[in-house]
């Protein structure tokens, strides 16, 4: 294939990737966006395999079969609740790939057309170093994020004295090492950069608490994009440069939007997040407030005698896989001519769009799913808010308690509705570790238990009324 045709096909792939990002910006067009992305990637792979640089199709075929089989198996077996940690794991692979490509280019520069071993072009050494640094940070940071989300390590922030000073010192050391590496091209500098960058990635993510993990995932997505962009410069691949820049910039924008949705600055997230798991026993032991408790029969009666209901899903719905039972409950209410809508907070769940994906899986109409800005004005006119596992994003203390870590975070104004039915396993705090004042409001009824079973019991009760 000629170089001109390759560039044209790469350009078409890049356009398809842009259309993909545009489609993924809204749930209704997300399927089309995925198709554009798949088509763009397929075209990019086929074009790359058709170029003259490929010298061994057998080894490439083996790699594609192994990688494709693993990816297919993961896609078939992964649970929707595990998507955040899956994304983090995939980010780590992109970072690791950047490190491997940088190593290959360093030891076999003639294969990349950037010089000879010990005499690599200075510009290529700069590109290689940047890709190496970002890739190593992305790898270790993503692995640690995966471990936090998977529960392999505590989700609580880990901080110690002079932590920020140590991070700053390590960053300065890395930059100095890069300068020495570019100037002298010494092999030991290359691997010292890798080791310190991996340590830096761990130290950057370890102080970030569970409440900030959605932002961390988005940031790591951005890092993986810039790492891919660095690989593109090393490989002199225009498409990889464009694609990496698209992922990097879109991830950075999304991180900003997520931080704004939590009333947090990206800098404050990087310098140390807050929140983490808190035991149920300790939370209930510390709480001496009174609350109202109900059951499925009570909830069914209240729901059936209302005219409007707003459903507020959260991570608790994802854990219980309750979206299908919830949709069945809402279908019954709609048959009774009750107005039903869903309210989505931008940071509900553990990654952007988590709740939208779960509701789409349950075939909930996109028209019924509204974002915070659209739905908040309607809560005062709504008779019932049905909260299913959404803790921090409904906490009124974010508006009233200036000492609260989540003060200033925009929340869903569910407390302004006539009645709040709150489905939760216990009074334990959410991922931020902050007690929810909504539990103890006069218009709130707590429905303790597994979210899926509670919805199924409400469905049975609705059928019997």
Protein backbone atom coordinates (compact mmCIF):
# COMPACT_ATOMS: atom_id res chain seq x y z
CA UNK A 1 0.00 0.00 0.00
CA UNK A 2 1.36 3.42 -0.95
CA UNK A 3 2.19 5.97 1.73
CA UNK A 4 -0.36 8.45 0.31
CA UNK A 5 -3.18 5.89 0.51
CA UNK A 6 -2.09 4.97 4.03
CA UNK A 7 -2.32 8.62 5.13
CA UNK A 8 -5.77 8.98 3.56
CA UNK A 9 -7.07 5.86 5.31
CA UNK A 10 -5.53 7.01 8.60
CA UNK A 11 -7.29 10.35 8.15
CA UNK A 12 -10.63 8.57 7.61
CA UNK A 13 -9.98 6.54 10.78
CA UNK A 14 -9.27 9.71 12.74
CA UNK A 15 -12.53 11.26 11.51
CA UNK A 16 -14.41 8.13 12.57
CA UNK A 17 -12.84 8.40 16.04
CA UNK A 18 -14.03 12.00 16.28
CA UNK A 19 -17.55 10.93 15.26
CA UNK A 20 -17.29 8.19 17.88
CA UNK A 21 -16.52 10.67 20.65
CA UNK A 22 -19.38 12.85 19.46
CA UNK A 23 -21.78 9.90 19.52
CA UNK A 24 -20.66 8.78 22.97
CA UNK A 25 -21.52 12.21 24.39
CA UNK A 26 -25.22 11.25 24.65
CA UNK A 27 -26.87 7.93 25.63
CA UNK A 28 -29.22 8.01 22.65
CA UNK A 29 -26.36 8.17 20.15
CA UNK A 30 -23.88 6.05 22.12
CA UNK A 31 -24.52 2.88 20.12
CA UNK A 32 -23.82 4.74 16.90
CA UNK A 33 -20.71 6.21 18.51
CA UNK A 34 -19.48 2.73 19.38
CA UNK A 35 -20.01 1.59 15.79
CA UNK A 36 -17.98 4.55 14.51
CA UNK A 37 -15.20 3.71 16.97
CA UNK A 38 -15.15 0.03 16.00
CA UNK A 39 -15.11 0.91 12.30
CA UNK A 40 -12.31 3.44 12.79
CA UNK A 41 -10.19 0.99 14.76
CA UNK A 42 -10.78 -1.84 12.28
CA UNK A 43 -9.76 0.42 9.40
CA UNK A 44 -6.67 1.57 11.32
CA UNK A 45 -5.56 -2.00 12.09
CA UNK A 46 -6.13 -3.22 8.53
CA UNK A 47 -4.29 -0.21 7.10
CA UNK A 48 -1.33 -0.73 9.45
CA UNK A 49 -1.12 -4.43 8.58
CA UNK A 50 -1.11 -3.51 4.89
CA UNK A 51 1.93 -1.24 5.12
CA UNK A 52 5.46 -2.22 4.12
CA UNK A 53 6.77 -2.06 7.69
CA UNK A 54 5.11 -5.39 8.57
CA UNK A 55 7.63 -8.22 8.10
CA UNK A 56 6.13 -11.12 10.07
CA UNK A 57 2.38 -11.73 9.84
CA UNK A 58 2.64 -15.03 11.72
CA UNK A 59 3.78 -13.45 14.99
CA UNK A 60 1.26 -10.63 14.63
CA UNK A 61 -1.53 -13.15 14.02
CA UNK A 62 -0.60 -15.05 17.18
CA UNK A 63 -0.67 -11.81 19.18
CA UNK A 64 -4.07 -10.85 17.72
CA UNK A 65 -5.54 -14.30 18.46
CA UNK A 66 -4.26 -14.30 22.06
CA UNK A 67 -5.28 -10.72 22.77
CA UNK A 68 -8.61 -11.05 20.99
CA UNK A 69 -9.47 -14.25 22.86
CA UNK A 70 -8.66 -12.69 26.22
CA UNK A 71 -10.66 -9.56 25.38
CA UNK A 72 -13.66 -11.60 24.18
CA UNK A 73 -13.61 -13.73 27.33
CA UNK A 74 -13.46 -10.67 29.57
CA UNK A 75 -16.29 -8.97 27.65
CA UNK A 76 -18.52 -12.04 28.00
CA UNK A 77 -17.86 -12.57 31.69
CA UNK A 78 -17.49 -9.04 33.08
CA UNK A 79 -20.26 -7.75 35.33
CA UNK A 80 -21.60 -4.25 34.90
CA UNK A 81 -20.54 -3.41 38.47
CA UNK A 82 -16.93 -4.25 37.58
CA UNK A 83 -16.69 -1.86 34.61
CA UNK A 84 -14.79 0.86 36.56
CA UNK A 85 -11.98 -1.47 37.58
CA UNK A 86 -11.96 -3.01 34.09
CA UNK A 87 -11.39 0.44 32.60
CA UNK A 88 -8.58 1.05 35.10
CA UNK A 89 -7.00 -2.29 34.19
CA UNK A 90 -7.14 -1.48 30.47
CA UNK A 91 -5.55 1.90 31.12
CA UNK A 92 -2.63 0.12 32.80
CA UNK A 93 -2.10 -1.97 29.65
CA UNK A 94 -1.87 1.18 27.52
CA UNK A 95 0.75 2.58 29.88
CA UNK A 96 2.68 -0.69 29.85
CA UNK A 97 2.56 -0.76 26.04
CA UNK A 98 4.12 2.72 26.00
CA UNK A 99 6.97 1.48 28.19
CA UNK A 100 7.54 -1.57 25.96
CA UNK A 101 7.52 0.48 22.76
CA UNK A 102 9.98 2.96 24.28
CA UNK A 103 12.26 0.06 25.30
CA UNK A 104 12.04 -1.47 21.82
CA UNK A 105 12.85 1.87 20.21
CA UNK A 106 15.81 2.38 22.57
CA UNK A 107 17.39 -1.02 21.91
CA UNK A 108 16.46 -1.30 18.20
CA UNK A 109 16.29 2.31 16.95
CA UNK A 110 17.21 1.31 13.40
CA UNK A 111 13.90 -0.58 13.14
CA UNK A 112 12.10 2.68 13.86
CA UNK A 113 14.27 4.83 11.61
CA UNK A 114 15.46 7.02 14.49
CA UNK A 115 19.19 6.23 14.38
CA UNK A 116 21.37 3.49 15.83
CA UNK A 117 21.88 2.16 19.34
CA UNK A 118 23.96 4.73 21.19
CA UNK A 119 23.34 7.31 18.48
CA UNK A 120 19.60 8.01 18.52
CA UNK A 121 18.29 11.34 17.26
CA UNK A 122 17.89 13.84 20.12
CA UNK A 123 14.31 14.67 19.19
CA UNK A 124 13.44 10.97 19.26
CA UNK A 125 15.04 10.62 22.70
CA UNK A 126 12.83 13.46 23.99
CA UNK A 127 9.69 11.84 22.56
CA UNK A 128 10.76 8.45 23.89
CA UNK A 129 11.41 9.83 27.39
CA UNK A 130 8.07 11.60 27.63
CA UNK A 131 6.18 8.50 26.46
CA UNK A 132 8.20 6.36 28.87
CA UNK A 133 7.47 8.62 31.84
CA UNK A 134 3.73 9.01 31.16
CA UNK A 135 3.36 5.32 30.33
CA UNK A 136 5.04 4.14 33.55
CA UNK A 137 2.97 6.55 35.67
CA UNK A 138 -0.22 5.44 33.91
CA UNK A 139 0.65 1.77 34.42
CA UNK A 140 1.33 1.88 38.16
CA UNK A 141 -1.40 4.43 38.92
CA UNK A 142 -4.00 2.39 37.01
CA UNK A 143 -2.97 -0.86 38.71
CA UNK A 144 -3.38 0.79 42.13
CA UNK A 145 -6.75 2.28 41.09
CA UNK A 146 -7.87 -1.20 40.00
CA UNK A 147 -6.82 -2.64 43.36
CA UNK A 148 -8.72 0.08 45.25
CA UNK A 149 -11.89 -0.42 43.19
CA UNK A 150 -11.66 -4.21 43.37
CA UNK A 151 -11.22 -4.08 47.14
CA UNK A 152 -7.77 -5.67 47.04
CA UNK A 153 -6.47 -2.68 49.00
CA UNK A 154 -8.33 -0.18 51.15
CA UNK A 155 -10.18 2.62 49.37
CA UNK A 156 -9.24 5.02 52.17
CA UNK A 157 -6.70 7.75 51.36
CA UNK A 158 -3.18 6.95 52.54
CA UNK A 159 -1.27 10.06 53.57
CA UNK A 160 1.94 10.73 55.46
CA UNK A 161 4.11 13.66 56.44
CA UNK A 162 5.97 15.46 53.64
CA UNK A 163 4.05 13.42 51.04
CA UNK A 164 3.59 16.29 48.61
CA UNK A 165 7.22 17.35 49.03
CA UNK A 166 8.32 13.79 48.23
CA UNK A 167 6.13 13.71 45.10
CA UNK A 168 7.54 17.04 43.99
CA UNK A 169 11.08 15.84 44.59
CA UNK A 170 10.48 12.64 42.61
CA UNK A 171 9.04 14.62 39.71
CA UNK A 172 12.07 16.91 39.73
CA UNK A 173 14.41 13.89 39.80
CA UNK A 174 12.57 12.34 36.83
CA UNK A 175 12.87 15.54 34.80
CA UNK A 176 16.60 15.79 35.59
CA UNK A 177 17.11 12.14 34.63
CA UNK A 178 15.31 12.74 31.34
CA UNK A 179 17.65 15.65 30.58
CA UNK A 180 20.71 13.50 31.36
CA UNK A 181 19.29 10.61 29.32
CA UNK A 182 18.66 12.82 26.29
CA UNK A 183 22.13 14.33 26.60
CA UNK A 184 24.12 11.12 27.23
CA UNK A 185 21.85 8.24 26.13
CA UNK A 186 22.97 6.03 29.05
CA UNK A 187 21.09 2.73 29.41
CA UNK A 188 20.93 2.82 33.22
CA UNK A 189 19.16 6.21 33.11
CA UNK A 190 16.42 4.68 30.96
CA UNK A 191 15.52 2.03 33.55
CA UNK A 192 15.92 4.37 36.52
CA UNK A 193 13.33 6.64 34.86
CA UNK A 194 11.01 3.63 34.56
CA UNK A 195 11.41 2.61 38.21
CA UNK A 196 10.99 6.11 39.67
CA UNK A 197 8.04 6.83 37.36
CA UNK A 198 6.30 3.65 38.55
CA UNK A 199 6.88 4.71 42.16
CA UNK A 200 5.63 8.21 41.34
CA UNK A 201 2.41 6.78 39.84
CA UNK A 202 1.74 4.81 43.04
CA UNK A 203 2.42 7.80 45.29
CA UNK A 204 0.13 10.02 43.18
CA UNK A 205 -2.86 7.66 43.43
CA UNK A 206 -2.43 6.23 46.94
CA UNK A 207 -3.59 9.41 48.79
CA UNK A 208 -6.75 9.62 46.68
CA UNK A 209 -9.80 8.37 48.56
CA UNK A 210 -12.80 6.46 47.31
CA UNK A 211 -14.96 9.55 46.84
CA UNK A 212 -12.60 10.87 44.19
CA UNK A 213 -12.12 7.61 42.27
CA UNK A 214 -14.43 8.63 39.37
CA UNK A 215 -12.16 11.61 38.74
CA UNK A 216 -9.06 9.43 39.06
CA UNK A 217 -10.37 7.00 36.43
CA UNK A 218 -11.03 9.92 34.09
CA UNK A 219 -7.54 11.34 34.74
CA UNK A 220 -5.91 7.97 34.07
CA UNK A 221 -7.89 7.81 30.84
CA UNK A 222 -6.31 11.11 29.88
CA UNK A 223 -2.83 9.87 30.84
CA UNK A 224 -3.27 6.73 28.73
CA UNK A 225 -4.17 8.94 25.77
CA UNK A 226 -1.03 11.06 26.13
CA UNK A 227 1.02 7.87 26.56
CA UNK A 228 -0.42 6.58 23.27
CA UNK A 229 0.36 9.93 21.68
CA UNK A 230 3.98 9.56 22.81
CA UNK A 231 4.07 6.08 21.27
CA UNK A 232 2.81 7.64 18.05
CA UNK A 233 5.76 10.04 17.90
CA UNK A 234 8.19 7.19 18.58
CA UNK A 235 6.63 5.07 15.83
CA UNK A 236 6.17 8.08 13.51
CA UNK A 237 2.50 7.05 13.25
CA UNK A 238 0.24 10.04 12.57
CA UNK A 239 -2.96 8.17 13.44
CA UNK A 240 -1.65 7.11 16.85
CA UNK A 241 -0.62 10.71 17.55
CA UNK A 242 -4.08 11.99 16.64
CA UNK A 243 -5.92 9.24 18.50
CA UNK A 244 -3.79 9.65 21.62
CA UNK A 245 -4.34 13.40 21.58
CA UNK A 246 -8.11 12.87 21.23
CA UNK A 247 -8.21 10.49 24.19
CA UNK A 248 -5.88 12.65 26.25
CA UNK A 249 -7.73 15.91 25.69
CA UNK A 250 -11.22 14.40 26.05
CA UNK A 251 -10.12 12.67 29.27
CA UNK A 252 -8.77 15.95 30.62
CA UNK A 253 -12.03 17.75 29.79
CA UNK A 254 -14.06 14.98 31.41
CA UNK A 255 -11.86 15.14 34.52
CA UNK A 256 -12.59 18.86 34.75
CA UNK A 257 -16.33 18.27 34.37
CA UNK A 258 -16.27 15.52 37.01
CA UNK A 259 -14.30 17.70 39.43
CA UNK A 260 -16.73 20.55 38.89
CA UNK A 261 -19.62 18.14 39.56
CA UNK A 262 -18.04 17.37 42.94
CA UNK A 263 -17.11 21.00 43.64
CA UNK A 264 -13.47 19.93 43.74
CA UNK A 265 -10.47 21.16 41.79
CA UNK A 266 -8.35 18.67 39.89
CA UNK A 267 -5.35 19.94 41.86
CA UNK A 268 -7.06 19.13 45.17
CA UNK A 269 -7.87 15.64 43.92
CA UNK A 270 -4.27 15.02 42.86
CA UNK A 271 -2.87 16.38 46.12
CA UNK A 272 -5.02 14.05 48.22
CA UNK A 273 -8.62 12.89 48.05
CA UNK A 274 -10.99 12.05 50.84
CA UNK A 275 -13.30 9.23 51.77
CA UNK A 276 -13.23 5.50 51.89
CA UNK A 277 -15.03 2.50 53.25
CA UNK A 278 -16.48 2.68 56.72
CA UNK A 279 -17.84 -0.32 58.55
CA UNK A 280 -21.57 -0.65 58.98
CA UNK A 281 -21.26 -1.35 62.70
CA UNK A 282 -19.16 1.72 63.37
CA UNK A 283 -21.45 4.01 61.39
CA UNK A 284 -24.58 2.78 63.14
CA UNK A 285 -22.83 2.84 66.52
CA UNK A 286 -21.84 6.47 66.09
CA UNK A 287 -25.33 7.54 64.98
CA UNK A 288 -27.76 8.46 67.74
CA UNK A 289 -30.27 10.13 65.42
CA UNK A 290 -33.75 8.79 64.85
CA UNK A 291 -35.09 7.61 61.51
CA UNK A 292 -38.28 6.16 60.07
CA UNK A 293 -38.18 2.60 58.78
CA UNK A 294 -40.66 1.00 56.39
CA UNK A 295 -41.08 -2.13 54.30
CA UNK A 296 -42.01 -3.12 50.75
CA UNK A 297 -45.75 -2.99 51.46
CA UNK A 298 -45.47 0.57 52.79
CA UNK A 299 -43.44 1.65 49.76
CA UNK A 300 -45.88 0.03 47.33
CA UNK A 301 -48.84 1.83 48.90
CA UNK A 302 -47.07 5.21 48.81
CA UNK A 303 -45.91 4.74 45.22
CA UNK A 304 -49.28 3.58 43.92
CA UNK A 305 -51.08 6.55 45.46
CA UNK A 306 -48.75 9.14 43.97
CA UNK A 307 -48.93 11.03 40.70
CA UNK A 308 -45.21 11.60 40.08
CA UNK A 309 -42.11 9.61 41.03
CA UNK A 310 -38.43 10.35 40.49
CA UNK A 311 -36.02 7.40 40.65
CA UNK A 312 -32.49 8.22 41.89
CA UNK A 313 -30.11 5.30 41.15
CA UNK A 314 -26.65 4.93 42.67
CA UNK A 315 -23.87 2.46 43.14
CA UNK A 316 -26.04 0.37 45.49
CA UNK A 317 -28.29 -0.43 42.53
CA UNK A 318 -25.23 -1.53 40.55
CA UNK A 319 -23.96 -3.80 43.33
CA UNK A 320 -27.35 -5.50 43.71
CA UNK A 321 -27.93 -5.66 39.93
CA UNK A 322 -31.36 -4.22 40.63
CA UNK A 323 -31.89 -2.28 37.38
CA UNK A 324 -34.18 -4.88 35.79
CA UNK A 325 -36.37 -5.26 38.89
CA UNK A 326 -36.46 -1.46 39.18
CA UNK A 327 -37.62 -1.07 35.58
CA UNK A 328 -40.34 -3.69 36.18
CA UNK A 329 -41.53 -1.70 39.19
CA UNK A 330 -41.57 1.50 37.14
CA UNK A 331 -43.47 -0.20 34.31
CA UNK A 332 -46.25 -1.05 36.76
CA UNK A 333 -46.36 2.55 37.99
CA UNK A 334 -46.53 3.87 34.43
CA UNK A 335 -49.45 1.55 33.68
CA UNK A 336 -51.19 3.27 36.58
CA UNK A 337 -50.66 6.62 34.78
CA UNK A 338 -48.00 7.69 37.28
CA UNK A 339 -45.28 9.95 35.87
CA UNK A 340 -41.90 8.24 36.30
CA UNK A 341 -38.48 9.73 35.57
CA UNK A 342 -34.87 8.94 36.49
CA UNK A 343 -32.42 11.47 37.96
CA UNK A 344 -28.72 10.95 37.22
CA UNK A 345 -25.94 12.72 39.11
CA UNK A 346 -22.74 13.24 37.06
CA UNK A 347 -20.64 11.32 39.62
CA UNK A 348 -23.15 8.63 40.59
CA UNK A 349 -21.44 5.25 40.69
CA UNK A 350 -17.69 4.85 40.26
CA UNK A 351 -17.16 6.14 36.75
CA UNK A 352 -18.79 8.64 34.38
CA UNK A 353 -21.98 7.29 32.80
CA UNK A 354 -22.11 4.24 35.08
CA UNK A 355 -25.82 4.65 35.89
CA UNK A 356 -26.73 5.48 32.29
CA UNK A 357 -25.16 2.21 31.12
CA UNK A 358 -27.03 0.16 33.73
CA UNK A 359 -30.37 1.76 32.92
CA UNK A 360 -29.78 1.30 29.19
CA UNK A 361 -29.05 -2.37 29.86
CA UNK A 362 -32.50 -2.60 31.47
CA UNK A 363 -34.07 -0.93 28.37
CA UNK A 364 -35.08 2.22 30.22
CA UNK A 365 -36.14 4.88 27.71
CA UNK A 366 -33.56 7.64 27.21
CA UNK A 367 -36.35 10.21 27.37
CA UNK A 368 -37.00 9.30 31.01
CA UNK A 369 -33.38 9.73 32.10
CA UNK A 370 -32.51 13.32 33.09
CA UNK A 371 -29.32 14.94 34.33
CA UNK A 372 -28.99 16.94 37.56
CA UNK A 373 -29.53 20.37 36.00
CA UNK A 374 -32.68 19.18 34.19
CA UNK A 375 -34.36 17.35 37.08
CA UNK A 376 -33.46 19.39 40.18
CA UNK A 377 -36.13 22.09 39.70
CA UNK A 378 -38.82 19.36 39.60
CA UNK A 379 -38.18 17.80 43.02
CA UNK A 380 -40.37 20.29 44.96
CA UNK A 381 -43.32 19.34 42.70
CA UNK A 382 -42.66 15.61 42.97
CA UNK A 383 -44.62 13.47 45.42
CA UNK A 384 -42.13 10.59 45.81
CA UNK A 385 -38.38 10.27 45.31
CA UNK A 386 -37.25 6.66 45.23
CA UNK A 387 -33.52 6.58 46.06
CA UNK A 388 -31.87 3.24 45.39
CA UNK A 389 -28.33 3.14 46.74
CA UNK A 390 -27.37 6.72 45.88
CA UNK A 391 -25.77 8.06 49.05
CA UNK A 392 -23.32 10.94 48.70
CA UNK A 393 -25.07 12.55 45.71
CA UNK A 394 -28.26 13.05 47.75
CA UNK A 395 -26.68 14.29 51.00
CA UNK A 396 -28.19 17.67 52.04
CA UNK A 397 -25.16 18.45 54.21
CA UNK A 398 -23.35 19.33 50.98
CA UNK A 399 -25.48 22.49 50.98
CA UNK A 400 -25.69 23.30 54.68
CA UNK A 401 -22.68 21.95 56.60
CA UNK A 402 -19.59 24.04 55.85
CA UNK A 403 -17.43 21.62 57.85
CA UNK A 404 -18.41 18.68 55.63
CA UNK A 405 -15.78 17.44 53.15
CA UNK A 406 -18.47 17.42 50.44
CA UNK A 407 -19.70 20.96 51.17
CA UNK A 408 -20.43 22.80 47.94
CA UNK A 409 -20.84 19.66 45.84
CA UNK A 410 -23.97 19.92 43.66
CA UNK A 411 -26.47 17.28 44.78
CA UNK A 412 -29.87 16.00 43.70
CA UNK A 413 -32.47 17.89 45.77
CA UNK A 414 -34.44 14.79 46.74
CA UNK A 415 -35.11 16.15 50.25
CA UNK A 416 -37.42 18.75 48.67
CA UNK A 417 -39.85 16.15 47.37
CA UNK A 418 -42.96 15.19 49.33
CA UNK A 419 -41.75 11.74 50.40
CA UNK A 420 -38.35 10.08 50.12
CA UNK A 421 -38.12 6.28 49.99
CA UNK A 422 -34.47 5.37 50.54
CA UNK A 423 -33.38 1.81 49.69
CA UNK A 424 -30.13 0.88 51.44
CA UNK A 425 -28.61 -2.06 53.26
CA UNK A 426 -27.86 -0.04 56.40
CA UNK A 427 -27.13 3.44 57.73
CA UNK A 428 -23.46 3.05 56.77
CA UNK A 429 -21.86 6.02 55.06
CA UNK A 430 -21.25 6.23 51.34
CA UNK A 431 -17.93 6.14 49.54
CA UNK A 432 -16.96 9.57 50.85
CA UNK A 433 -17.25 8.41 54.45
CA UNK A 434 -19.76 11.20 55.25
CA UNK A 435 -23.00 10.46 57.12
CA UNK A 436 -26.11 11.30 55.06
CA UNK A 437 -28.42 13.75 56.83
CA UNK A 438 -31.23 12.71 54.48
CA UNK A 439 -31.68 9.44 56.41
CA UNK A 440 -33.04 11.35 59.41
CA UNK A 441 -35.39 13.81 57.69
CA UNK A 442 -39.10 13.68 58.64
CA UNK A 443 -40.15 12.96 55.06
CA UNK A 444 -37.69 10.05 54.59
CA UNK A 445 -38.56 6.38 55.04
CA UNK A 446 -35.66 3.94 55.08
CA UNK A 447 -36.15 0.62 53.29
CA UNK A 448 -33.33 -1.62 54.53
CA UNK A 449 -32.27 -4.63 52.50
CA UNK A 450 -30.86 -5.79 49.19
CA UNK A 451 -31.96 -3.35 46.48
CA UNK A 452 -32.96 -6.04 43.97
CA UNK A 453 -35.02 -8.01 46.49
CA UNK A 454 -36.64 -4.82 47.77
CA UNK A 455 -37.74 -3.86 44.24
CA UNK A 456 -39.03 -7.39 43.62
CA UNK A 457 -41.01 -7.29 46.88
CA UNK A 458 -42.46 -3.90 45.95
CA UNK A 459 -43.51 -5.32 42.57
CA UNK A 460 -45.33 -8.18 44.33
CA UNK A 461 -47.03 -5.74 46.69
CA UNK A 462 -48.08 -3.47 43.83
CA UNK A 463 -49.70 -6.45 42.09
CA UNK A 464 -51.65 -7.23 45.26
CA UNK A 465 -52.99 -3.73 45.87
